Amino acid sequence: MYQALKVPKQVFEKSAQVYLMEPAKRTIYEEEIQALRDSLRSRTPQELTREQCLDSVRKLEAAKFEAQKKMYEFVRSQRVAPQMINAVIKVEKLKADDHFFNETGIEEEDVEPSIKRLNLEEDDDFKAIIDEFKQQSDEFLASKKDETAAMMQKARAAQYAMEMRRKAAMEEAAKKQGAALTTGEEEKKAE
């Protein structure tokens, strides 16, 4: 989009970030984008075969899982302001939809109507695909939960070590101060 506007990418991203941080402006933006999408959807959905649907669902579920992993790392690295996470998620969804179309020639929005038309929600192969990626997602989240707990434990240990060093330094300073006072009193007695 920044190329169409003929502005540098960083200027576009900063402007979008500032503009979309205000909820009222973000709402206007999202409503206009949705209206544009709706106006461009004058075509009837492509009817897909069972095999096309299952292949599409497998690819879409894999893309969702990859997006989940990518967003977890993105949020964890804290590369953008928390308010921008939703905007980033939407951009990633658009990228994934474009990639899916380029790979299959099928619009993502055509998959759901064909699934309903073919009644695939009750199909064992369809359920197996959904369950496979749900299990992968659950395992990923569980592994990250353990990783997060380990990171928290490490942070607490570092904080405890810092506290102990600070306490030891204060005790050492108190000893030195006490020794200086004792030396000063001895010097006064000697006079």
C-alpha atoms as a PDB file:
ATOM      1  CA  MET A   1       0.000   0.000   0.000  1.00  0.00           C
ATOM      2  CA  TYR A   2       2.848   2.380   0.808  1.00  0.00           C
ATOM      3  CA  GLN A   3       4.080   1.916  -2.762  1.00  0.00           C
ATOM      4  CA  ALA A   4       0.706   3.011  -4.131  1.00  0.00           C
ATOM      5  CA  LEU A   5       0.861   6.092  -1.907  1.00  0.00           C
ATOM      6  CA  LYS A   6       4.478   6.715  -2.990  1.00  0.00           C
ATOM      7  CA  VAL A   7       5.825   7.163   0.534  1.00  0.00           C
ATOM      8  CA  PRO A   8       8.676   5.340   2.277  1.00  0.00           C
ATOM      9  CA  LYS A   9       7.644   2.155   4.055  1.00  0.00           C
ATOM     10  CA  GLN A  10       8.757   3.447   7.483  1.00  0.00           C
ATOM     11  CA  VAL A  11       6.689   6.630   7.088  1.00  0.00           C
ATOM     12  CA  PHE A  12       3.621   4.599   6.102  1.00  0.00           C
ATOM     13  CA  GLU A  13       4.044   2.158   9.011  1.00  0.00           C
ATOM     14  CA  LYS A  14       4.547   4.927  11.573  1.00  0.00           C
ATOM     15  CA  SER A  15       1.551   6.868  10.243  1.00  0.00           C
ATOM     16  CA  ALA A  16      -0.632   3.746  10.278  1.00  0.00           C
ATOM     17  CA  GLN A  17       0.537   2.912  13.784  1.00  0.00           C
ATOM     18  CA  VAL A  18      -0.293   6.376  15.105  1.00  0.00           C
ATOM     19  CA  TYR A  19      -3.596   6.567  13.209  1.00  0.00           C
ATOM     20  CA  LEU A  20      -4.790   3.086  14.191  1.00  0.00           C
ATOM     21  CA  MET A  21      -3.963   3.585  17.880  1.00  0.00           C
ATOM     22  CA  GLU A  22      -7.068   5.740  18.256  1.00  0.00           C
ATOM     23  CA  PRO A  23     -10.067   3.394  18.603  1.00  0.00           C
ATOM     24  CA  ALA A  24     -12.470   5.706  16.742  1.00  0.00           C
ATOM     25  CA  LYS A  25     -10.127   5.995  13.758  1.00  0.00           C
ATOM     26  CA  ARG A  26      -9.398   2.269  13.815  1.00  0.00           C
ATOM     27  CA  THR A  27     -13.142   1.572  13.714  1.00  0.00           C
ATOM     28  CA  ILE A  28     -13.583   3.894  10.723  1.00  0.00           C
ATOM     29  CA  TYR A  29     -10.659   2.210   8.958  1.00  0.00           C
ATOM     30  CA  GLU A  30     -12.007  -1.301   9.601  1.00  0.00           C
ATOM     31  CA  GLU A  31     -15.531  -0.355   8.491  1.00  0.00           C
ATOM     32  CA  GLU A  32     -14.230   1.188   5.267  1.00  0.00           C
ATOM     33  CA  ILE A  33     -12.040  -1.831   4.521  1.00  0.00           C
ATOM     34  CA  GLN A  34     -14.982  -4.176   5.145  1.00  0.00           C
ATOM     35  CA  ALA A  35     -17.252  -2.076   2.910  1.00  0.00           C
ATOM     36  CA  LEU A  36     -14.597  -2.183   0.187  1.00  0.00           C
ATOM     37  CA  ARG A  37     -14.311  -5.965   0.512  1.00  0.00           C
ATOM     38  CA  ASP A  38     -18.088  -6.365   0.380  1.00  0.00           C
ATOM     39  CA  SER A  39     -18.360  -4.160  -2.697  1.00  0.00           C
ATOM     40  CA  LEU A  40     -15.727  -6.225  -4.482  1.00  0.00           C
ATOM     41  CA  ARG A  41     -17.476  -9.514  -3.657  1.00  0.00           C
ATOM     42  CA  SER A  42     -20.029  -9.428  -6.405  1.00  0.00           C
ATOM     43  CA  ARG A  43     -19.079 -12.877  -7.641  1.00  0.00           C
ATOM     44  CA  THR A  44     -20.673 -16.121  -6.577  1.00  0.00           C
ATOM     45  CA  PRO A  45     -18.511 -18.490  -4.540  1.00  0.00           C
ATOM     46  CA  GLN A  46     -16.598 -21.115  -6.484  1.00  0.00           C
ATOM     47  CA  GLU A  47     -18.002 -24.583  -5.842  1.00  0.00           C
ATOM     48  CA  LEU A  48     -15.261 -26.898  -4.644  1.00  0.00           C
ATOM     49  CA  THR A  49     -15.064 -30.677  -4.673  1.00  0.00           C
ATOM     50  CA  ARG A  50     -14.646 -32.706  -1.494  1.00  0.00           C
ATOM     51  CA  GLU A  51     -10.938 -33.214  -2.216  1.00  0.00           C
ATOM     52  CA  GLN A  52     -10.426 -29.503  -2.887  1.00  0.00           C
ATOM     53  CA  CYS A  53     -12.195 -28.675   0.377  1.00  0.00           C
ATOM     54  CA  LEU A  54     -10.134 -31.129   2.418  1.00  0.00           C
ATOM     55  CA  ASP A  55      -6.893 -29.947   0.815  1.00  0.00           C
ATOM     56  CA  SER A  56      -7.905 -26.321   1.410  1.00  0.00           C
ATOM     57  CA  VAL A  57      -8.815 -26.981   5.031  1.00  0.00           C
ATOM     58  CA  ARG A  58      -5.472 -28.720   5.585  1.00  0.00           C
ATOM     59  CA  LYS A  59      -3.589 -25.758   4.083  1.00  0.00           C
ATOM     60  CA  LEU A  60      -5.660 -23.172   5.953  1.00  0.00           C
ATOM     61  CA  GLU A  61      -5.242 -24.980   9.281  1.00  0.00           C
ATOM     62  CA  ALA A  62      -1.487 -25.260   8.679  1.00  0.00           C
ATOM     63  CA  ALA A  63      -1.378 -21.515   7.911  1.00  0.00           C
ATOM     64  CA  LYS A  64      -3.310 -20.765  11.122  1.00  0.00           C
ATOM     65  CA  PHE A  65      -0.897 -22.863  13.148  1.00  0.00           C
ATOM     66  CA  GLU A  66       2.135 -21.138  11.589  1.00  0.00           C
ATOM     67  CA  ALA A  67       0.513 -17.758  12.255  1.00  0.00           C
ATOM     68  CA  GLN A  68      -0.069 -18.757  15.882  1.00  0.00           C
ATOM     69  CA  LYS A  69       3.624 -19.619  16.305  1.00  0.00           C
ATOM     70  CA  LYS A  70       4.715 -16.462  14.511  1.00  0.00           C
ATOM     71  CA  MET A  71       2.437 -14.209  16.572  1.00  0.00           C
ATOM     72  CA  TYR A  72       3.573 -15.848  19.812  1.00  0.00           C
ATOM     73  CA  GLU A  73       7.187 -15.023  18.983  1.00  0.00           C
ATOM     74  CA  PHE A  74       6.201 -11.565  17.737  1.00  0.00           C
ATOM     75  CA  VAL A  75       4.379 -10.694  20.958  1.00  0.00           C
ATOM     76  CA  ARG A  76       7.122 -12.260  23.068  1.00  0.00           C
ATOM     77  CA  SER A  77       9.809 -10.170  21.384  1.00  0.00           C
ATOM     78  CA  GLN A  78       7.755  -6.999  22.063  1.00  0.00           C
ATOM     79  CA  ARG A  79       8.658  -5.440  18.705  1.00  0.00           C
ATOM     80  CA  VAL A  80       5.572  -3.218  18.554  1.00  0.00           C
ATOM     81  CA  ALA A  81       3.225  -1.485  20.930  1.00  0.00           C
ATOM     82  CA  PRO A  82       0.554  -3.816  22.362  1.00  0.00           C
ATOM     83  CA  GLN A  83      -2.183  -1.725  20.717  1.00  0.00           C
ATOM     84  CA  MET A  84      -0.802  -2.652  17.293  1.00  0.00           C
ATOM     85  CA  ILE A  85      -1.002  -6.424  17.732  1.00  0.00           C
ATOM     86  CA  ASN A  86      -4.524  -6.602  16.240  1.00  0.00           C
ATOM     87  CA  ALA A  87      -3.426  -4.616  13.196  1.00  0.00           C
ATOM     88  CA  VAL A  88      -0.470  -6.941  12.712  1.00  0.00           C
ATOM     89  CA  ILE A  89      -2.730  -9.978  13.016  1.00  0.00           C
ATOM     90  CA  LYS A  90      -5.025  -8.579  10.309  1.00  0.00           C
ATOM     91  CA  VAL A  91      -2.103  -7.903   7.989  1.00  0.00           C
ATOM     92  CA  GLU A  92      -0.782 -11.428   8.542  1.00  0.00           C
ATOM     93  CA  LYS A  93      -4.246 -12.836   7.764  1.00  0.00           C
ATOM     94  CA  LEU A  94      -4.334 -10.919   4.485  1.00  0.00           C
ATOM     95  CA  LYS A  95      -0.865 -12.217   3.605  1.00  0.00           C
ATOM     96  CA  ALA A  96      -1.909 -15.787   4.413  1.00  0.00           C
ATOM     97  CA  ASP A  97      -5.070 -15.449   2.289  1.00  0.00           C
ATOM     98  CA  ASP A  98      -3.017 -14.120  -0.624  1.00  0.00           C
ATOM     99  CA  HIS A  99      -0.503 -16.941  -0.251  1.00  0.00           C
ATOM    100  CA  PHE A 100      -3.333 -19.492  -0.133  1.00  0.00           C
ATOM    101  CA  PHE A 101      -4.882 -18.068  -3.319  1.00  0.00           C
ATOM    102  CA  ASN A 102      -1.527 -17.994  -5.125  1.00  0.00           C
ATOM    103  CA  GLU A 103      -0.874 -21.596  -4.135  1.00  0.00           C
ATOM    104  CA  THR A 104      -4.339 -23.047  -4.860  1.00  0.00           C
ATOM    105  CA  GLY A 105      -6.214 -20.588  -7.089  1.00  0.00           C
ATOM    106  CA  ILE A 106      -9.045 -20.736  -4.530  1.00  0.00           C
ATOM    107  CA  GLU A 107     -10.295 -17.794  -2.496  1.00  0.00           C
ATOM    108  CA  GLU A 108     -10.371 -18.532   1.227  1.00  0.00           C
ATOM    109  CA  GLU A 109     -13.942 -17.247   1.399  1.00  0.00           C
ATOM    110  CA  ASP A 110     -15.035 -19.955  -1.097  1.00  0.00           C
ATOM    111  CA  VAL A 111     -14.036 -22.812   1.195  1.00  0.00           C
ATOM    112  CA  GLU A 112     -16.670 -22.370   3.920  1.00  0.00           C
ATOM    113  CA  PRO A 113     -19.725 -22.390   1.591  1.00  0.00           C
ATOM    114  CA  SER A 114     -18.450 -25.565  -0.075  1.00  0.00           C
ATOM    115  CA  ILE A 115     -17.864 -27.216   3.298  1.00  0.00           C
ATOM    116  CA  LYS A 116     -21.470 -26.477   4.233  1.00  0.00           C
ATOM    117  CA  ARG A 117     -22.814 -27.531   0.824  1.00  0.00           C
ATOM    118  CA  LEU A 118     -20.972 -30.863   1.035  1.00  0.00           C
ATOM    119  CA  ASN A 119     -21.822 -31.266   4.754  1.00  0.00           C
ATOM    120  CA  LEU A 120     -18.164 -31.874   5.564  1.00  0.00           C
ATOM    121  CA  GLU A 121     -18.541 -30.814   9.192  1.00  0.00           C
ATOM    122  CA  GLU A 122     -19.718 -34.397   9.811  1.00  0.00           C
ATOM    123  CA  ASP A 123     -17.038 -35.994   7.586  1.00  0.00           C
ATOM    124  CA  ASP A 124     -14.427 -38.097   9.427  1.00  0.00           C
ATOM    125  CA  ASP A 125     -11.552 -36.886   7.225  1.00  0.00           C
ATOM    126  CA  PHE A 126     -12.542 -33.255   7.831  1.00  0.00           C
ATOM    127  CA  LYS A 127     -12.749 -33.836  11.595  1.00  0.00           C
ATOM    128  CA  ALA A 128      -9.363 -35.604  11.557  1.00  0.00           C
ATOM    129  CA  ILE A 129      -7.708 -32.582   9.909  1.00  0.00           C
ATOM    130  CA  ILE A 130      -9.244 -30.166  12.413  1.00  0.00           C
ATOM    131  CA  ASP A 131      -8.317 -32.417  15.354  1.00  0.00           C
ATOM    132  CA  GLU A 132      -4.733 -32.866  14.088  1.00  0.00           C
ATOM    133  CA  PHE A 133      -4.079 -29.128  14.026  1.00  0.00           C
ATOM    134  CA  LYS A 134      -5.923 -28.567  17.302  1.00  0.00           C
ATOM    135  CA  GLN A 135      -3.629 -31.121  18.923  1.00  0.00           C
ATOM    136  CA  GLN A 136      -0.546 -29.442  17.413  1.00  0.00           C
ATOM    137  CA  SER A 137      -1.770 -26.077  18.679  1.00  0.00           C
ATOM    138  CA  ASP A 138      -2.458 -27.450  22.169  1.00  0.00           C
ATOM    139  CA  GLU A 139       0.999 -29.051  22.304  1.00  0.00           C
ATOM    140  CA  PHE A 140       2.632 -25.814  21.130  1.00  0.00           C
ATOM    141  CA  LEU A 141       0.819 -23.783  23.783  1.00  0.00           C
ATOM    142  CA  ALA A 142       1.682 -26.326  26.477  1.00  0.00           C
ATOM    143  CA  SER A 143       5.365 -26.204  25.500  1.00  0.00           C
ATOM    144  CA  LYS A 144       5.298 -22.405  25.610  1.00  0.00           C
ATOM    145  CA  LYS A 145       3.608 -22.531  28.995  1.00  0.00           C
ATOM    146  CA  ASP A 146       6.507 -24.624  30.305  1.00  0.00           C
ATOM    147  CA  GLU A 147       8.995 -22.304  28.599  1.00  0.00           C
ATOM    148  CA  THR A 148       7.330 -19.247  30.123  1.00  0.00           C
ATOM    149  CA  ALA A 149       7.355 -20.859  33.573  1.00  0.00           C
ATOM    150  CA  ALA A 150      11.072 -21.620  33.177  1.00  0.00           C
ATOM    151  CA  MET A 151      11.735 -18.025  32.113  1.00  0.00           C
ATOM    152  CA  MET A 152       9.820 -16.720  35.121  1.00  0.00           C
ATOM    153  CA  GLN A 153      11.757 -19.013  37.466  1.00  0.00           C
ATOM    154  CA  LYS A 154      15.041 -17.834  35.938  1.00  0.00           C
ATOM    155  CA  ALA A 155      13.961 -14.185  36.342  1.00  0.00           C
ATOM    156  CA  ARG A 156      13.033 -14.792  39.989  1.00  0.00           C
ATOM    157  CA  ALA A 157      16.405 -16.470  40.595  1.00  0.00           C
ATOM    158  CA  ALA A 158      18.226 -13.524  39.012  1.00  0.00           C
ATOM    159  CA  GLN A 159      16.174 -11.093  41.096  1.00  0.00           C
ATOM    160  CA  TYR A 160      16.973 -13.080  44.273  1.00  0.00           C
ATOM    161  CA  ALA A 161      20.691 -13.135  43.399  1.00  0.00           C
ATOM    162  CA  MET A 162      20.640  -9.374  42.817  1.00  0.00           C
ATOM    163  CA  GLU A 163      18.888  -8.833  46.130  1.00  0.00           C
ATOM    164  CA  MET A 164      21.476 -10.975  47.915  1.00  0.00           C
ATOM    165  CA  ARG A 165      24.358  -9.053  46.277  1.00  0.00           C
ATOM    166  CA  ARG A 166      22.751  -5.769  47.309  1.00  0.00           C
ATOM    167  CA  LYS A 167      22.286  -7.023  50.863  1.00  0.00           C
ATOM    168  CA  ALA A 168      25.903  -8.257  51.008  1.00  0.00           C
ATOM    169  CA  ALA A 169      27.134  -4.903  49.691  1.00  0.00           C
ATOM    170  CA  MET A 170      25.114  -3.059  52.338  1.00  0.00           C
ATOM    171  CA  GLU A 171      26.519  -5.319  55.078  1.00  0.00           C
ATOM    172  CA  GLU A 172      30.057  -4.764  53.760  1.00  0.00           C
ATOM    173  CA  ALA A 173      29.482  -1.000  53.725  1.00  0.00           C
ATOM    174  CA  ALA A 174      28.150  -1.169  57.291  1.00  0.00           C
ATOM    175  CA  LYS A 175      31.255  -3.143  58.396  1.00  0.00           C
ATOM    176  CA  LYS A 176      33.546  -0.586  56.768  1.00  0.00           C
ATOM    177  CA  GLN A 177      31.635   2.246  58.369  1.00  0.00           C
ATOM    178  CA  GLY A 178      31.773   0.462  61.734  1.00  0.00           C
ATOM    179  CA  ALA A 179      35.507  -0.157  61.305  1.00  0.00           C
ATOM    180  CA  ALA A 180      36.069   3.500  60.392  1.00  0.00           C
ATOM    181  CA  LEU A 181      34.166   4.608  63.493  1.00  0.00           C
ATOM    182  CA  THR A 182      36.158   2.222  65.683  1.00  0.00           C
ATOM    183  CA  THR A 183      39.452   3.463  64.169  1.00  0.00           C
ATOM    184  CA  GLY A 184      38.341   7.069  64.673  1.00  0.00           C
ATOM    185  CA  GLU A 185      37.507   6.427  68.356  1.00  0.00           C
ATOM    186  CA  GLU A 186      40.901   4.737  68.913  1.00  0.00           C
ATOM    187  CA  GLU A 187      42.686   7.712  67.378  1.00  0.00           C
ATOM    188  CA  LYS A 188      40.803  10.102  69.700  1.00  0.00           C
ATOM    189  CA  LYS A 189      41.795   7.995  72.767  1.00  0.00           C
ATOM    190  CA  ALA A 190      45.424   8.036  71.667  1.00  0.00           C
ATOM    191  CA  GLU A 191      45.436  11.839  71.596  1.00  0.00           C
END
